[in-house]
Amino acid sequence: MKRGTVCFIALLLILTSAANVFAQGQQAVETRPTGPVTIEFWTTETQSDRMATIQVLIDTFSALNPGITVNLVPVDENDLVTQAQTAYAAKSLPAIFEAPAETAVSFGTQGIVDVATTTRLIEKIGKDRFYAGPLKVLETTGKGDYYAIPYHGWIQGIWYRADWFEKAGLNPPTTWEDILKAAKYFYRPELNQYGILVGTLPEAYTEQCFTPIAMSNGAALFDANKKLVFNSPEMREAVEFYAELAKYNPPGPQTWRARDYYLQGKMAMFFYSTYIMDDLALQEAAMGSLTGDNFKDLIGTDFDPDLVGKTRVASIVTNTSSAGYGTVVSLGLFDQGDPAKTAAAQKFLEYLYTPNAYVTFLHMAPGGMNPMLKEIATNARFQNDPMGLFKRYGTEKMAEIIDGLENIETFSIVGGNRIEAASEITAKQIIPQMLYKITQENVSVTNAMAWAETEMKKLVK
């Protein structure tokens, strides 16, 4: 973000906040001094431009609350757990942290977060204002209590050529039946056109594609008692369905890179996160996918400025149930043992959820950072991002995309319980390896699932 833009945001926030009323009729920020207190905020937004924007927000908050000092500390996401353990041993944990939901849950199971204050804060902000999915992945075993507060995140969905579907008279790809029907219909390899993209390499993208399909069929790795239940009829059906979809991929083992086929008009559907939004809408972002450099059967093409209008996204997959996939980044409170610090941290978090502050934070990464409060998705200022990205999608489509947050699921949280072994299974890429064996090495589903179950049992032991 350019310096001039940062200064403008600072001025806008200070002038707006000085009136003690934020846009959209939200609760005003209290300006009553609480006494001198200093707290730390650990953020995983370590890029310099993002740090500058967050500092503007902190400076504005400090102007309204002169008795509270907030020190911003950047922490690489990969180092967050280690640094938290070190700080805990030294009794110097920060008051506030930003972390992926699963990390926040892990901190919670260690007993180092302030669940009571966090839960009260969610209730004060308004539980009904949040999307249900992000709250669910942060809920404790005792229903109604939370380890952290959802703040931003990305959603995965099936991005598809709505104009092709309409011309063919096909339903949007939201159910297993309709996804497979469209994949078959649009699969025309003789024309270098393919029906769908699902990951088939042993890597994270493959598991990201598979997870919502499995969960939409009621399949799981563990039950609420932490018993391994992977090799179930529901999981087998999901694996078989995924293997069938892979037949309509571009040739060879595939990963996210094959999005190039879609951007060059050679694919009907592909699984991807909201980080694809700028590639679909902005020529400068799409250029890397418009060449013939990555695939021998793609010769490259010009940017299609109408592609964003021809594209829609199905963020929910439905079979026996409905499921979505995404990553939630949360804001949490480490237990301070100091009421003054806890009160100051709570006040700062309340401020970060007021519309102007919230939108400023989210605009650091349009499309990648999506709001956890439902009304922000259609907020006029949120829609007016600095890149002009959201205007190209329109309010209705943006709300449709972000609504996928309602149903996000994860294998590693079952019944509010953190299943540590599920994260280990993900880290070892057991599921993607299994899918690679089936789709690329012609291993039978039965044998591949038996192999995966054996590997999972080793980790559980």
Protein backbone atom coordinates (compact mmCIF):
# COMPACT_ATOMS: atom_id res chain seq x y z
CA MET A 1 0.00 0.00 0.00
CA LYS A 2 1.36 3.40 -0.96
CA ARG A 3 2.24 5.88 1.79
CA GLY A 4 -0.36 8.37 0.55
CA THR A 5 -3.08 5.76 0.78
CA VAL A 6 -2.06 4.85 4.32
CA CYS A 7 -2.15 8.50 5.38
CA PHE A 8 -5.55 8.94 3.79
CA ILE A 9 -6.91 5.92 5.64
CA ALA A 10 -5.50 7.23 8.90
CA LEU A 11 -7.14 10.62 8.41
CA LEU A 12 -10.43 9.01 7.41
CA LEU A 13 -10.49 6.75 10.44
CA ILE A 14 -9.53 9.48 12.89
CA LEU A 15 -12.13 11.92 11.57
CA THR A 16 -14.81 9.26 11.54
CA SER A 17 -13.94 7.93 14.97
CA ALA A 18 -13.79 11.42 16.47
CA ALA A 19 -17.54 11.58 16.08
CA ASN A 20 -17.72 8.36 18.11
CA VAL A 21 -19.96 6.74 15.50
CA PHE A 22 -18.94 4.26 12.82
CA ALA A 23 -20.75 3.65 9.56
CA GLN A 24 -23.66 1.23 9.12
CA GLY A 25 -25.20 1.99 12.48
CA GLN A 26 -22.74 -0.15 14.41
CA GLN A 27 -21.86 0.35 18.04
CA ALA A 28 -19.65 3.37 18.74
CA VAL A 29 -16.19 2.82 20.12
CA GLU A 30 -15.92 3.79 23.76
CA THR A 31 -13.34 6.50 24.41
CA ARG A 32 -13.38 6.45 28.20
CA PRO A 33 -9.79 6.04 29.51
CA THR A 34 -9.12 2.78 31.32
CA GLY A 35 -5.83 3.74 32.91
CA PRO A 36 -2.31 3.29 31.53
CA VAL A 37 -1.77 -0.24 30.31
CA THR A 38 0.41 -1.80 27.60
CA ILE A 39 -0.51 -4.93 25.64
CA GLU A 40 1.07 -6.86 22.78
CA PHE A 41 -0.65 -7.94 19.57
CA TRP A 42 1.03 -10.76 17.65
CA THR A 43 0.09 -10.68 13.97
CA THR A 44 0.93 -13.12 11.20
CA GLU A 45 0.59 -10.33 8.61
CA THR A 46 4.33 -9.82 8.40
CA GLN A 47 4.54 -7.97 5.05
CA SER A 48 5.66 -4.37 5.49
CA ASP A 49 2.65 -2.81 3.78
CA ARG A 50 0.24 -4.83 5.91
CA MET A 51 2.15 -3.96 9.06
CA ALA A 52 1.83 -0.28 8.13
CA THR A 53 -1.93 -0.58 7.69
CA ILE A 54 -2.39 -2.37 11.02
CA GLN A 55 -0.26 0.29 12.70
CA VAL A 56 -2.61 2.95 11.33
CA LEU A 57 -5.49 1.12 13.00
CA ILE A 58 -3.57 0.90 16.26
CA ASP A 59 -2.69 4.60 16.15
CA THR A 60 -6.33 5.49 15.60
CA PHE A 61 -7.39 3.28 18.50
CA SER A 62 -4.72 4.83 20.74
CA ALA A 63 -5.96 8.33 19.90
CA LEU A 64 -9.38 7.29 21.14
CA ASN A 65 -8.03 5.37 24.14
CA PRO A 66 -4.96 7.30 25.40
CA GLY A 67 -4.56 5.04 28.42
CA ILE A 68 -3.95 1.94 26.27
CA THR A 69 -0.76 1.21 24.35
CA VAL A 70 -0.79 -1.62 21.79
CA ASN A 71 2.57 -2.93 20.62
CA LEU A 72 2.44 -4.70 17.27
CA VAL A 73 4.72 -7.74 16.93
CA PRO A 74 5.04 -9.63 13.61
CA VAL A 75 5.33 -13.41 13.92
CA ASP A 76 5.72 -15.76 10.97
CA GLU A 77 2.80 -18.19 10.90
CA ASN A 78 5.20 -21.15 10.78
CA ASP A 79 6.92 -19.93 13.97
CA LEU A 80 3.80 -18.98 15.90
CA VAL A 81 3.44 -22.18 17.93
CA THR A 82 7.11 -22.32 18.89
CA GLN A 83 7.22 -18.65 19.89
CA ALA A 84 4.03 -19.03 21.93
CA GLN A 85 5.52 -21.99 23.80
CA THR A 86 8.67 -19.99 24.52
CA ALA A 87 6.66 -16.98 25.70
CA TYR A 88 4.46 -19.16 27.89
CA ALA A 89 7.53 -20.65 29.57
CA ALA A 90 8.82 -17.12 30.17
CA LYS A 91 5.37 -15.93 31.37
CA SER A 92 5.36 -13.29 28.64
CA LEU A 93 2.50 -14.30 26.35
CA PRO A 94 0.97 -11.40 24.40
CA ALA A 95 -2.57 -10.30 25.16
CA ILE A 96 -3.80 -10.84 21.58
CA PHE A 97 -2.77 -13.18 18.78
CA GLU A 98 -3.80 -13.68 15.16
CA ALA A 99 -3.71 -17.33 14.06
CA PRO A 100 -5.36 -19.95 11.85
CA ALA A 101 -8.36 -21.51 13.58
CA GLU A 102 -6.69 -24.87 14.08
CA THR A 103 -3.72 -23.22 15.81
CA ALA A 104 -6.08 -21.27 18.05
CA VAL A 105 -7.88 -24.48 18.98
CA SER A 106 -4.52 -26.08 19.76
CA PHE A 107 -3.68 -23.18 22.09
CA GLY A 108 -7.09 -23.64 23.67
CA THR A 109 -6.58 -27.33 24.36
CA GLN A 110 -3.32 -26.38 26.10
CA GLY A 111 -5.33 -24.17 28.45
CA ILE A 112 -3.51 -20.93 27.66
CA VAL A 113 -6.33 -18.90 26.09
CA ASP A 114 -9.01 -16.87 27.85
CA VAL A 115 -12.12 -18.76 26.78
CA ALA A 116 -14.49 -16.91 29.12
CA THR A 117 -13.57 -13.43 27.88
CA THR A 118 -13.51 -14.59 24.26
CA THR A 119 -17.00 -16.07 24.55
CA ARG A 120 -18.38 -12.92 26.20
CA LEU A 121 -16.87 -10.81 23.44
CA ILE A 122 -18.48 -12.94 20.71
CA GLU A 123 -21.82 -12.58 22.46
CA LYS A 124 -21.31 -8.81 22.76
CA ILE A 125 -20.47 -8.45 19.07
CA GLY A 126 -23.47 -10.65 18.31
CA LYS A 127 -23.19 -14.38 17.66
CA ASP A 128 -25.88 -14.23 14.96
CA ARG A 129 -23.83 -11.69 13.00
CA PHE A 130 -21.07 -14.26 12.39
CA TYR A 131 -21.12 -16.92 9.71
CA ALA A 132 -21.89 -20.25 11.37
CA GLY A 133 -19.00 -22.25 9.91
CA PRO A 134 -16.12 -20.20 11.36
CA LEU A 135 -17.72 -20.17 14.80
CA LYS A 136 -18.14 -23.93 14.67
CA VAL A 137 -14.46 -24.63 14.00
CA LEU A 138 -13.51 -22.46 17.00
CA GLU A 139 -16.04 -23.90 19.44
CA THR A 140 -14.91 -25.80 22.53
CA THR A 141 -16.16 -29.22 23.58
CA GLY A 142 -18.58 -27.41 25.88
CA LYS A 143 -20.97 -26.02 23.29
CA GLY A 144 -21.37 -22.26 23.27
CA ASP A 145 -17.81 -21.44 24.38
CA TYR A 146 -15.05 -20.42 21.97
CA TYR A 147 -11.26 -20.58 21.85
CA ALA A 148 -10.93 -17.50 19.60
CA ILE A 149 -12.96 -15.14 17.41
CA PRO A 150 -13.10 -15.59 13.63
CA TYR A 151 -11.77 -12.52 11.81
CA HIS A 152 -10.97 -13.26 8.16
CA GLY A 153 -10.41 -16.16 5.81
CA TRP A 154 -10.72 -17.63 2.34
CA ILE A 155 -13.30 -19.94 0.86
CA GLN A 156 -12.84 -22.71 -1.65
CA GLY A 157 -15.46 -23.55 -4.23
CA ILE A 158 -16.06 -24.88 -7.71
CA TRP A 159 -15.58 -21.97 -10.12
CA TYR A 160 -17.47 -22.66 -13.32
CA ARG A 161 -18.45 -21.23 -16.70
CA ALA A 162 -22.01 -20.17 -15.97
CA ASP A 163 -22.54 -19.23 -19.62
CA TRP A 164 -21.60 -22.76 -20.75
CA PHE A 165 -23.89 -24.31 -18.15
CA GLU A 166 -26.81 -22.08 -19.14
CA LYS A 167 -26.38 -22.84 -22.83
CA ALA A 168 -26.23 -26.59 -22.09
CA GLY A 169 -29.25 -26.43 -19.78
CA LEU A 170 -27.25 -27.84 -16.86
CA ASN A 171 -27.76 -27.12 -13.17
CA PRO A 172 -25.01 -25.33 -11.23
CA PRO A 173 -22.40 -27.82 -9.91
CA THR A 174 -23.54 -28.00 -6.31
CA THR A 175 -24.55 -31.66 -5.92
CA TRP A 176 -22.57 -34.80 -6.65
CA GLU A 177 -24.98 -35.68 -9.44
CA ASP A 178 -24.78 -32.29 -11.14
CA ILE A 179 -20.99 -32.01 -10.76
CA LEU A 180 -20.39 -35.38 -12.41
CA LYS A 181 -22.98 -34.77 -15.12
CA ALA A 182 -21.30 -31.47 -16.10
CA ALA A 183 -17.79 -32.96 -15.93
CA LYS A 184 -18.82 -35.65 -18.41
CA TYR A 185 -20.73 -33.27 -20.67
CA PHE A 186 -17.91 -30.77 -21.09
CA TYR A 187 -15.12 -33.34 -21.40
CA ARG A 188 -14.00 -33.10 -25.03
CA PRO A 189 -10.29 -33.95 -25.11
CA GLU A 190 -10.32 -34.06 -28.91
CA LEU A 191 -11.00 -30.31 -28.73
CA ASN A 192 -8.50 -29.84 -25.89
CA GLN A 193 -11.42 -29.08 -23.55
CA TYR A 194 -11.86 -30.65 -20.11
CA GLY A 195 -14.73 -31.02 -17.69
CA ILE A 196 -13.18 -30.29 -14.31
CA LEU A 197 -9.96 -29.89 -12.36
CA VAL A 198 -9.41 -31.87 -9.15
CA GLY A 199 -5.98 -32.40 -7.65
CA THR A 200 -4.32 -35.77 -8.22
CA LEU A 201 -0.75 -35.11 -7.06
CA PRO A 202 0.22 -36.05 -3.47
CA GLU A 203 -0.01 -32.50 -2.11
CA ALA A 204 -2.20 -30.10 -0.15
CA TYR A 205 -4.31 -28.96 -3.11
CA THR A 206 -5.58 -32.52 -3.62
CA GLU A 207 -6.72 -32.78 -0.01
CA GLN A 208 -8.36 -29.36 -0.26
CA CYS A 209 -10.41 -30.58 -3.23
CA PHE A 210 -11.27 -33.90 -1.58
CA THR A 211 -12.24 -32.69 1.90
CA PRO A 212 -15.61 -31.04 1.09
CA ILE A 213 -16.56 -33.99 -1.11
CA ALA A 214 -15.88 -36.43 1.73
CA MET A 215 -17.66 -34.32 4.32
CA SER A 216 -20.68 -33.81 2.07
CA ASN A 217 -21.12 -37.58 2.29
CA GLY A 218 -20.77 -37.73 6.08
CA ALA A 219 -17.25 -39.22 5.87
CA ALA A 220 -14.68 -38.51 8.58
CA LEU A 221 -11.25 -39.57 9.78
CA PHE A 222 -12.20 -39.79 13.46
CA ASP A 223 -15.34 -39.83 15.55
CA ALA A 224 -15.95 -37.57 18.55
CA ASN A 225 -14.21 -40.13 20.78
CA LYS A 226 -11.03 -39.83 18.67
CA LYS A 227 -11.48 -43.31 17.24
CA LEU A 228 -10.17 -43.76 13.69
CA VAL A 229 -13.17 -44.35 11.40
CA PHE A 230 -11.52 -43.62 8.05
CA ASN A 231 -12.29 -46.90 6.26
CA SER A 232 -16.05 -46.46 6.24
CA PRO A 233 -18.69 -46.94 3.50
CA GLU A 234 -19.16 -43.15 3.40
CA MET A 235 -15.45 -42.54 2.85
CA ARG A 236 -15.26 -45.26 0.19
CA GLU A 237 -18.13 -43.64 -1.72
CA ALA A 238 -16.34 -40.27 -1.56
CA VAL A 239 -13.06 -41.78 -2.78
CA GLU A 240 -14.80 -43.56 -5.65
CA PHE A 241 -16.63 -40.39 -6.64
CA TYR A 242 -13.40 -38.36 -6.58
CA ALA A 243 -11.64 -40.95 -8.71
CA GLU A 244 -14.48 -40.77 -11.22
CA LEU A 245 -14.23 -36.95 -11.39
CA ALA A 246 -10.48 -37.22 -12.02
CA LYS A 247 -11.22 -39.00 -15.31
CA TYR A 248 -12.42 -35.65 -16.71
CA ASN A 249 -9.26 -33.75 -15.73
CA PRO A 250 -6.66 -32.51 -18.21
CA PRO A 251 -4.13 -35.32 -18.89
CA GLY A 252 -1.49 -36.30 -16.36
CA PRO A 253 -1.30 -35.81 -12.60
CA GLN A 254 -2.70 -32.37 -11.91
CA THR A 255 -2.45 -29.57 -9.37
CA TRP A 256 -3.75 -26.00 -9.05
CA ARG A 257 -1.54 -24.90 -11.96
CA ALA A 258 -4.04 -26.42 -14.39
CA ARG A 259 -6.27 -23.41 -13.71
CA ASP A 260 -4.53 -22.18 -16.88
CA TYR A 261 -6.97 -24.31 -18.88
CA TYR A 262 -9.88 -22.38 -17.37
CA LEU A 263 -8.36 -18.96 -17.94
CA GLN A 264 -7.65 -19.94 -21.55
CA GLY A 265 -11.24 -21.10 -22.14
CA LYS A 266 -10.46 -24.83 -22.14
CA MET A 267 -12.14 -26.00 -18.92
CA ALA A 268 -15.66 -25.93 -17.49
CA MET A 269 -15.00 -26.17 -13.73
CA PHE A 270 -12.13 -26.10 -11.24
CA PHE A 271 -11.68 -26.20 -7.47
CA TYR A 272 -9.95 -23.09 -6.14
CA SER A 273 -9.95 -20.61 -3.27
CA THR A 274 -11.05 -16.98 -3.42
CA TYR A 275 -7.44 -16.06 -4.16
CA ILE A 276 -8.35 -16.74 -7.82
CA MET A 277 -10.61 -13.69 -7.90
CA ASP A 278 -7.99 -11.23 -9.09
CA ASP A 279 -6.75 -13.64 -11.80
CA LEU A 280 -10.27 -13.83 -13.22
CA ALA A 281 -10.86 -10.08 -13.13
CA LEU A 282 -7.52 -8.31 -13.66
CA GLN A 283 -5.27 -8.75 -16.67
CA GLU A 284 -2.03 -8.10 -14.80
CA ALA A 285 -2.90 -10.84 -12.28
CA ALA A 286 -3.90 -13.34 -14.98
CA MET A 287 -0.84 -13.04 -17.22
CA GLY A 288 0.99 -16.02 -15.72
CA SER A 289 -1.90 -18.30 -16.74
CA LEU A 290 -2.30 -16.99 -20.30
CA THR A 291 0.93 -18.37 -21.77
CA GLY A 292 1.88 -21.69 -23.33
CA ASP A 293 4.76 -22.13 -20.90
CA ASN A 294 3.14 -24.48 -18.40
CA PHE A 295 1.37 -27.06 -20.58
CA LYS A 296 2.39 -28.36 -24.01
CA ASP A 297 -1.22 -28.43 -25.25
CA LEU A 298 -1.90 -24.80 -24.31
CA ILE A 299 -0.60 -22.21 -26.75
CA GLY A 300 -1.61 -19.14 -24.76
CA THR A 301 -4.32 -16.58 -25.37
CA ASP A 302 -5.34 -12.98 -24.72
CA PHE A 303 -6.99 -11.96 -21.47
CA ASP A 304 -10.78 -12.23 -21.57
CA PRO A 305 -12.17 -9.19 -19.73
CA ASP A 306 -15.62 -10.79 -19.77
CA LEU A 307 -14.50 -14.00 -18.04
CA VAL A 308 -15.34 -12.70 -14.58
CA GLY A 309 -18.90 -12.05 -15.73
CA LYS A 310 -19.16 -15.52 -17.25
CA THR A 311 -17.91 -17.18 -14.05
CA ARG A 312 -19.81 -18.17 -10.94
CA VAL A 313 -18.77 -20.21 -7.91
CA ALA A 314 -20.47 -23.07 -6.09
CA SER A 315 -19.04 -22.81 -2.59
CA ILE A 316 -21.08 -25.68 -1.13
CA VAL A 317 -20.96 -29.35 -2.15
CA THR A 318 -24.04 -31.44 -1.32
CA ASN A 319 -24.74 -35.14 -1.24
CA THR A 320 -26.09 -36.67 1.97
CA SER A 321 -25.27 -33.35 3.66
CA SER A 322 -23.76 -30.00 2.72
CA ALA A 323 -20.13 -29.01 3.24
CA GLY A 324 -17.73 -26.28 2.29
CA TYR A 325 -14.01 -25.80 2.71
CA GLY A 326 -11.93 -22.83 3.69
CA THR A 327 -9.40 -21.43 6.11
CA VAL A 328 -10.41 -19.23 9.04
CA VAL A 329 -7.94 -16.83 10.63
CA SER A 330 -8.90 -15.87 14.16
CA LEU A 331 -8.11 -13.33 16.84
CA GLY A 332 -7.53 -14.80 20.27
CA LEU A 333 -6.80 -13.76 23.81
CA PHE A 334 -4.01 -15.43 25.75
CA ASP A 335 -4.78 -15.69 29.44
CA GLN A 336 -3.02 -12.71 31.06
CA GLY A 337 -3.90 -13.08 34.71
CA ASP A 338 -4.22 -9.27 34.71
CA PRO A 339 -7.74 -7.77 34.55
CA ALA A 340 -6.45 -4.43 33.23
CA LYS A 341 -4.67 -6.07 30.29
CA THR A 342 -7.66 -8.29 29.59
CA ALA A 343 -10.00 -5.29 29.55
CA ALA A 344 -7.67 -3.36 27.25
CA ALA A 345 -7.35 -6.32 24.87
CA GLN A 346 -11.12 -6.76 24.77
CA LYS A 347 -11.60 -3.08 23.95
CA PHE A 348 -9.08 -3.27 21.11
CA LEU A 349 -10.73 -6.36 19.64
CA GLU A 350 -14.14 -4.65 19.78
CA TYR A 351 -12.61 -1.78 17.84
CA LEU A 352 -11.23 -4.13 15.15
CA TYR A 353 -14.78 -5.35 14.48
CA THR A 354 -16.21 -1.87 13.90
CA PRO A 355 -16.91 -1.47 10.15
CA ASN A 356 -14.28 1.11 9.19
CA ALA A 357 -11.45 -0.65 11.02
CA TYR A 358 -12.62 -4.07 9.85
CA VAL A 359 -12.87 -3.10 6.18
CA THR A 360 -9.47 -1.39 6.27
CA PHE A 361 -7.93 -4.61 7.58
CA LEU A 362 -9.67 -6.81 4.99
CA HIS A 363 -8.63 -4.57 2.10
CA MET A 364 -5.02 -5.55 2.67
CA ALA A 365 -5.79 -8.65 0.56
CA PRO A 366 -9.05 -8.31 -1.43
CA GLY A 367 -10.49 -11.74 -2.18
CA GLY A 368 -8.01 -13.48 0.11
CA MET A 369 -9.28 -11.86 3.30
CA ASN A 370 -13.04 -12.23 3.58
CA PRO A 371 -15.18 -11.02 6.49
CA MET A 372 -16.60 -13.24 9.22
CA LEU A 373 -19.52 -10.86 9.88
CA LYS A 374 -22.31 -11.39 7.37
CA GLU A 375 -23.25 -7.75 6.86
CA ILE A 376 -19.70 -6.74 5.90
CA ALA A 377 -19.92 -8.81 2.69
CA THR A 378 -22.44 -6.32 1.27
CA ASN A 379 -21.02 -3.24 3.00
CA ALA A 380 -20.58 -0.46 0.41
CA ARG A 381 -17.09 0.43 1.61
CA PHE A 382 -15.98 -3.21 1.63
CA GLN A 383 -17.18 -3.54 -1.95
CA ASN A 384 -15.05 -0.51 -2.92
CA ASP A 385 -11.65 -2.16 -2.49
CA PRO A 386 -8.46 -0.33 -3.59
CA MET A 387 -7.90 -2.69 -6.54
CA GLY A 388 -11.44 -2.23 -7.84
CA LEU A 389 -11.74 -6.01 -7.74
CA PHE A 390 -15.10 -6.41 -6.06
CA LYS A 391 -16.83 -3.96 -8.40
CA ARG A 392 -16.10 -6.39 -11.22
CA TYR A 393 -17.94 -9.13 -9.35
CA GLY A 394 -20.84 -7.10 -7.99
CA THR A 395 -22.51 -7.14 -4.58
CA GLU A 396 -24.72 -10.14 -5.27
CA LYS A 397 -21.90 -12.38 -6.48
CA MET A 398 -19.58 -11.31 -3.63
CA ALA A 399 -22.24 -12.20 -1.06
CA GLU A 400 -22.77 -15.54 -2.81
CA ILE A 401 -19.04 -16.31 -2.68
CA ILE A 402 -18.59 -15.36 0.95
CA ASP A 403 -21.73 -17.25 2.01
CA GLY A 404 -19.61 -20.38 1.62
CA LEU A 405 -18.30 -19.57 5.10
CA GLU A 406 -21.58 -20.85 6.55
CA ASN A 407 -20.66 -24.47 5.91
CA ILE A 408 -16.87 -24.83 6.10
CA GLU A 409 -15.70 -28.09 7.63
CA THR A 410 -12.44 -29.66 8.75
CA PHE A 411 -11.36 -33.22 9.52
CA SER A 412 -9.39 -32.12 12.58
CA ILE A 413 -12.22 -30.73 14.70
CA VAL A 414 -15.00 -33.16 15.62
CA GLY A 415 -17.68 -32.25 18.12
CA GLY A 416 -15.62 -29.32 19.33
CA ASN A 417 -12.66 -31.60 20.03
CA ARG A 418 -9.28 -31.01 18.49
CA ILE A 419 -8.07 -34.26 16.89
CA GLU A 420 -4.30 -33.86 16.85
CA ALA A 421 -3.76 -37.02 14.80
CA ALA A 422 -5.92 -35.59 11.98
CA SER A 423 -3.44 -32.75 11.59
CA GLU A 424 -0.61 -35.28 11.50
CA ILE A 425 -2.42 -37.21 8.77
CA THR A 426 -2.70 -34.00 6.77
CA ALA A 427 0.97 -33.16 7.35
CA LYS A 428 2.01 -36.62 6.11
CA GLN A 429 -0.19 -36.20 3.00
CA ILE A 430 -1.67 -39.66 3.42
CA ILE A 431 -4.97 -38.86 1.70
CA PRO A 432 -3.36 -37.17 -1.35
CA GLN A 433 -0.94 -40.10 -1.65
CA MET A 434 -3.88 -42.49 -1.60
CA LEU A 435 -5.68 -40.53 -4.32
CA TYR A 436 -2.52 -40.42 -6.42
CA LYS A 437 -2.21 -44.21 -6.19
CA ILE A 438 -5.80 -44.62 -7.38
CA THR A 439 -5.86 -42.04 -10.17
CA GLN A 440 -2.32 -42.30 -11.49
CA GLU A 441 -1.01 -45.74 -10.55
CA ASN A 442 -4.26 -47.71 -11.05
CA VAL A 443 -4.24 -49.10 -7.52
CA SER A 444 -7.72 -50.33 -6.57
CA VAL A 445 -9.79 -48.25 -4.18
CA THR A 446 -9.85 -51.15 -1.72
CA ASN A 447 -6.08 -51.55 -1.67
CA ALA A 448 -5.36 -47.82 -1.61
CA MET A 449 -7.74 -47.23 1.30
CA ALA A 450 -6.25 -50.18 3.18
CA TRP A 451 -2.78 -48.68 2.69
CA ALA A 452 -4.00 -45.28 3.91
CA GLU A 453 -5.66 -46.81 6.97
CA THR A 454 -2.45 -48.65 7.87
CA GLU A 455 -0.45 -45.41 7.62
CA MET A 456 -3.00 -43.57 9.74
CA LYS A 457 -2.89 -46.25 12.43
CA LYS A 458 0.88 -45.84 12.65
CA LEU A 459 0.40 -42.15 13.41
CA VAL A 460 -2.38 -42.79 15.91
CA LYS A 461 -0.12 -45.21 17.80
